[in-house]
N, C-alpha and C. Protein backbone atom coordinates (compact mmCIF):
# COMPACT_ATOMS: atom_id res chain seq x y z
N UNK A 1 -55.60 43.89 -40.67
CA UNK A 1 -55.60 43.77 -39.25
C UNK A 1 -55.75 42.24 -38.95
N UNK A 2 -56.54 41.54 -39.65
CA UNK A 2 -56.76 40.09 -39.39
C UNK A 2 -55.48 39.31 -39.65
N UNK A 3 -54.75 39.65 -40.61
CA UNK A 3 -53.48 38.95 -40.94
C UNK A 3 -52.44 39.18 -39.83
N UNK A 4 -52.39 40.39 -39.32
CA UNK A 4 -51.56 40.68 -38.25
C UNK A 4 -51.87 39.88 -37.06
N UNK A 5 -53.14 39.81 -36.71
CA UNK A 5 -53.54 39.02 -35.55
C UNK A 5 -53.20 37.58 -35.66
N UNK A 6 -53.46 37.02 -36.91
CA UNK A 6 -53.12 35.61 -37.15
C UNK A 6 -51.59 35.41 -36.97
N UNK A 7 -50.76 36.37 -37.48
CA UNK A 7 -49.37 36.18 -37.46
C UNK A 7 -48.85 36.28 -35.97
N UNK A 8 -49.49 37.13 -35.16
CA UNK A 8 -49.12 37.23 -33.71
C UNK A 8 -49.52 35.85 -33.02
N UNK A 9 -50.71 35.35 -33.32
CA UNK A 9 -51.13 34.10 -32.68
C UNK A 9 -50.22 32.97 -33.04
N UNK A 10 -49.79 32.93 -34.31
CA UNK A 10 -48.88 31.81 -34.74
C UNK A 10 -47.50 31.98 -34.03
N UNK A 11 -47.01 33.24 -33.93
CA UNK A 11 -45.75 33.41 -33.24
C UNK A 11 -45.87 32.96 -31.76
N UNK A 12 -46.93 33.24 -31.11
CA UNK A 12 -47.07 32.92 -29.69
C UNK A 12 -47.24 31.39 -29.49
N UNK A 13 -47.80 30.71 -30.47
CA UNK A 13 -48.05 29.21 -30.36
C UNK A 13 -46.88 28.39 -30.68
N UNK A 14 -45.93 28.98 -31.49
CA UNK A 14 -44.84 28.16 -31.99
C UNK A 14 -43.98 27.62 -30.80
N UNK A 15 -43.67 28.37 -29.83
CA UNK A 15 -42.88 27.70 -28.73
C UNK A 15 -43.65 26.58 -28.03
N UNK A 16 -44.99 26.68 -27.92
CA UNK A 16 -45.73 25.65 -27.32
C UNK A 16 -45.71 24.37 -28.18
N UNK A 17 -45.82 24.54 -29.41
CA UNK A 17 -45.76 23.35 -30.33
C UNK A 17 -44.41 22.81 -30.33
N UNK A 18 -43.31 23.53 -30.14
CA UNK A 18 -41.99 23.01 -30.22
C UNK A 18 -41.73 22.12 -28.96
N UNK A 19 -42.53 22.28 -27.91
CA UNK A 19 -42.31 21.50 -26.71
C UNK A 19 -43.16 20.25 -26.69
N UNK A 20 -43.71 19.85 -27.83
CA UNK A 20 -44.53 18.69 -27.88
C UNK A 20 -43.67 17.48 -27.55
N UNK A 21 -44.37 16.34 -27.12
CA UNK A 21 -43.56 15.09 -26.85
C UNK A 21 -42.70 14.67 -27.95
N UNK A 22 -41.59 14.09 -27.67
CA UNK A 22 -40.73 13.56 -28.62
C UNK A 22 -41.30 12.33 -29.30
N UNK A 23 -40.67 11.89 -30.33
CA UNK A 23 -41.12 10.55 -30.97
C UNK A 23 -40.37 9.45 -30.18
N UNK A 24 -41.11 8.55 -29.51
CA UNK A 24 -40.49 7.59 -28.69
C UNK A 24 -40.56 6.22 -29.28
N UNK A 25 -41.61 5.80 -29.91
CA UNK A 25 -41.80 4.47 -30.51
C UNK A 25 -42.91 4.48 -31.57
N UNK A 26 -42.78 3.52 -32.42
CA UNK A 26 -43.86 3.24 -33.42
C UNK A 26 -44.59 1.95 -33.03
N UNK A 27 -44.16 1.32 -32.00
CA UNK A 27 -44.75 0.05 -31.54
C UNK A 27 -46.12 0.25 -31.07
N UNK A 28 -47.07 -0.71 -31.37
CA UNK A 28 -48.42 -0.65 -30.74
C UNK A 28 -48.40 -0.77 -29.25
N UNK A 29 -49.42 -0.26 -28.56
CA UNK A 29 -49.48 -0.21 -27.11
C UNK A 29 -49.44 -1.63 -26.47
N UNK A 30 -49.84 -2.58 -27.24
CA UNK A 30 -49.75 -3.94 -26.59
C UNK A 30 -48.30 -4.42 -26.44
N UNK A 31 -47.35 -3.70 -27.09
CA UNK A 31 -45.90 -4.05 -26.90
C UNK A 31 -45.25 -3.28 -25.84
N UNK A 32 -45.97 -2.26 -25.31
CA UNK A 32 -45.34 -1.41 -24.20
C UNK A 32 -45.26 -2.13 -22.91
N UNK A 33 -44.33 -1.80 -22.07
CA UNK A 33 -44.22 -2.34 -20.78
C UNK A 33 -45.31 -1.75 -19.95
N UNK A 34 -45.63 -2.44 -18.88
CA UNK A 34 -46.74 -1.97 -17.97
C UNK A 34 -46.30 -0.67 -17.26
N UNK A 35 -47.24 0.06 -16.75
CA UNK A 35 -46.93 1.33 -15.97
C UNK A 35 -46.08 0.94 -14.74
N UNK A 36 -46.44 -0.21 -14.06
CA UNK A 36 -45.69 -0.52 -12.94
C UNK A 36 -44.23 -0.87 -13.23
N UNK A 37 -43.95 -1.61 -14.42
CA UNK A 37 -42.61 -1.91 -14.88
C UNK A 37 -41.82 -0.73 -15.20
N UNK A 38 -42.50 0.30 -15.77
CA UNK A 38 -41.90 1.50 -16.20
C UNK A 38 -41.53 2.37 -14.92
N UNK A 39 -42.45 2.40 -13.99
CA UNK A 39 -42.19 3.13 -12.75
C UNK A 39 -40.93 2.47 -12.07
N UNK A 40 -40.83 1.16 -12.05
CA UNK A 40 -39.72 0.56 -11.46
C UNK A 40 -38.44 0.89 -12.13
N UNK A 41 -38.47 0.77 -13.47
CA UNK A 41 -37.30 1.12 -14.30
C UNK A 41 -36.85 2.55 -14.09
N UNK A 42 -37.82 3.45 -13.97
CA UNK A 42 -37.46 4.84 -13.76
C UNK A 42 -36.82 5.10 -12.36
N UNK A 43 -37.36 4.37 -11.42
CA UNK A 43 -36.75 4.46 -10.03
C UNK A 43 -35.36 3.94 -10.03
N UNK A 44 -35.11 2.84 -10.80
CA UNK A 44 -33.72 2.28 -10.89
C UNK A 44 -32.81 3.27 -11.60
N UNK A 45 -33.29 4.12 -12.52
CA UNK A 45 -32.56 5.13 -13.22
C UNK A 45 -32.31 6.38 -12.39
N UNK A 46 -32.87 6.40 -11.15
CA UNK A 46 -32.67 7.58 -10.31
C UNK A 46 -33.81 8.53 -10.20
N UNK A 47 -34.94 8.24 -10.81
CA UNK A 47 -36.09 8.98 -10.68
C UNK A 47 -37.03 8.49 -9.65
N UNK A 48 -36.72 8.84 -8.40
CA UNK A 48 -37.40 8.08 -7.23
C UNK A 48 -38.69 8.74 -6.83
N UNK A 49 -38.81 10.02 -6.88
CA UNK A 49 -40.06 10.69 -6.42
C UNK A 49 -40.85 11.17 -7.65
N UNK A 50 -41.67 10.26 -8.13
CA UNK A 50 -42.44 10.63 -9.34
C UNK A 50 -43.76 11.22 -8.88
N UNK A 51 -44.00 12.45 -9.28
CA UNK A 51 -45.21 13.15 -8.95
C UNK A 51 -46.34 12.86 -10.02
N UNK A 52 -45.98 12.87 -11.25
CA UNK A 52 -46.92 12.64 -12.37
C UNK A 52 -46.32 11.55 -13.25
N UNK A 53 -47.11 10.61 -13.62
CA UNK A 53 -46.75 9.60 -14.64
C UNK A 53 -47.90 9.52 -15.65
N UNK A 54 -47.56 9.68 -16.91
CA UNK A 54 -48.68 9.69 -17.89
C UNK A 54 -48.13 9.23 -19.29
N UNK A 55 -49.08 8.93 -20.10
CA UNK A 55 -48.81 8.69 -21.58
C UNK A 55 -48.82 10.02 -22.21
N UNK A 56 -47.80 10.41 -22.92
CA UNK A 56 -47.67 11.62 -23.76
C UNK A 56 -47.38 11.28 -25.14
N UNK A 57 -48.36 11.30 -26.01
CA UNK A 57 -48.15 10.85 -27.38
C UNK A 57 -47.77 9.41 -27.46
N UNK A 58 -46.63 9.06 -27.84
CA UNK A 58 -46.14 7.69 -27.88
C UNK A 58 -45.02 7.47 -26.89
N UNK A 59 -45.10 8.19 -25.87
CA UNK A 59 -44.07 8.07 -24.79
C UNK A 59 -44.71 7.93 -23.44
N UNK A 60 -43.96 7.38 -22.48
CA UNK A 60 -44.22 7.50 -21.03
C UNK A 60 -43.50 8.79 -20.63
N UNK A 61 -44.25 9.63 -19.87
CA UNK A 61 -43.69 10.87 -19.34
C UNK A 61 -43.80 10.94 -17.92
N UNK A 62 -42.75 11.34 -17.23
CA UNK A 62 -42.80 11.53 -15.76
C UNK A 62 -42.43 12.94 -15.35
N UNK A 63 -42.97 13.42 -14.32
CA UNK A 63 -42.51 14.66 -13.68
C UNK A 63 -42.25 14.29 -12.19
N UNK A 64 -41.04 14.54 -11.81
CA UNK A 64 -40.70 14.24 -10.46
C UNK A 64 -39.36 14.82 -10.02
N UNK A 65 -38.51 13.98 -9.36
CA UNK A 65 -37.26 14.46 -8.90
C UNK A 65 -36.19 13.45 -9.08
N UNK A 66 -35.01 13.85 -9.31
CA UNK A 66 -33.84 12.91 -9.38
C UNK A 66 -33.44 12.57 -7.95
N UNK A 67 -32.46 11.57 -7.78
CA UNK A 67 -32.07 11.19 -6.49
C UNK A 67 -31.30 12.31 -5.75
N UNK A 68 -30.88 13.28 -6.56
CA UNK A 68 -30.23 14.58 -6.02
C UNK A 68 -31.19 15.58 -5.68
N UNK A 69 -32.49 15.35 -5.84
CA UNK A 69 -33.46 16.40 -5.47
C UNK A 69 -33.77 17.47 -6.59
N UNK A 70 -33.20 17.25 -7.81
CA UNK A 70 -33.54 18.25 -8.84
C UNK A 70 -34.85 17.76 -9.56
N UNK A 71 -35.59 18.84 -10.00
CA UNK A 71 -36.85 18.57 -10.70
C UNK A 71 -36.44 17.86 -12.05
N UNK A 72 -37.39 17.01 -12.47
CA UNK A 72 -37.16 16.26 -13.74
C UNK A 72 -38.43 16.07 -14.50
N UNK A 73 -38.25 16.28 -15.71
CA UNK A 73 -39.31 15.93 -16.72
C UNK A 73 -38.64 15.00 -17.71
N UNK A 74 -39.12 13.71 -17.77
CA UNK A 74 -38.45 12.76 -18.52
C UNK A 74 -39.42 11.98 -19.46
N UNK A 75 -39.01 11.83 -20.70
CA UNK A 75 -39.77 11.01 -21.68
C UNK A 75 -39.04 9.70 -21.88
N UNK A 76 -39.75 8.63 -21.76
CA UNK A 76 -39.20 7.20 -22.02
C UNK A 76 -39.82 6.56 -23.12
N UNK A 77 -39.00 5.75 -23.77
CA UNK A 77 -39.45 4.84 -24.84
C UNK A 77 -40.29 3.80 -23.98
N UNK A 78 -41.64 3.60 -24.33
CA UNK A 78 -42.39 2.68 -23.51
C UNK A 78 -42.20 1.23 -23.77
N UNK A 79 -41.43 0.96 -24.80
CA UNK A 79 -41.10 -0.48 -25.10
C UNK A 79 -39.78 -0.88 -24.40
N UNK A 80 -38.77 -0.12 -24.55
CA UNK A 80 -37.43 -0.45 -23.98
C UNK A 80 -37.19 0.20 -22.61
N UNK A 81 -37.93 1.28 -22.24
CA UNK A 81 -37.71 2.00 -21.08
C UNK A 81 -36.52 2.95 -21.17
N UNK A 82 -35.93 3.15 -22.31
CA UNK A 82 -34.81 4.06 -22.51
C UNK A 82 -35.22 5.51 -22.37
N UNK A 83 -34.40 6.37 -21.89
CA UNK A 83 -34.71 7.80 -21.83
C UNK A 83 -34.55 8.30 -23.19
N UNK A 84 -35.59 9.01 -23.65
CA UNK A 84 -35.60 9.61 -25.03
C UNK A 84 -35.24 11.20 -24.95
N UNK A 85 -35.86 11.82 -23.88
CA UNK A 85 -35.57 13.18 -23.61
C UNK A 85 -35.63 13.42 -22.16
N UNK A 86 -34.84 14.32 -21.54
CA UNK A 86 -34.85 14.61 -20.20
C UNK A 86 -34.54 16.10 -19.97
N UNK A 87 -35.40 16.72 -19.18
CA UNK A 87 -35.20 18.10 -18.79
C UNK A 87 -34.98 18.04 -17.23
N UNK A 88 -33.80 18.35 -16.74
CA UNK A 88 -33.44 18.28 -15.41
C UNK A 88 -33.08 19.58 -14.84
N UNK A 89 -33.61 19.96 -13.71
CA UNK A 89 -33.27 21.11 -12.99
C UNK A 89 -34.06 22.37 -13.28
N UNK A 90 -33.99 22.91 -14.44
CA UNK A 90 -34.69 24.18 -14.68
C UNK A 90 -36.06 23.89 -15.37
N UNK A 91 -36.99 23.60 -14.57
CA UNK A 91 -38.43 23.41 -15.08
C UNK A 91 -39.29 24.51 -14.70
């Protein structure tokens, strides 16, 4: 019974683990752009209404909206500001 319970728990946790933050950079935090600079770069890229801005692993992550009003979850390389992963619309 214990083995079955562990197998069920592992199966339920696998999707959560798969959605972990992507690998964005190996650079130390003193090389990262400031939060203000990243917010500005995100706005220039069309992510204007940022509801949440945070560090997620080795990425900057935002939750907000595109200029078209679609929901957006976006991971940025904190050194270059490039988009590493974006989930748009169906969040």
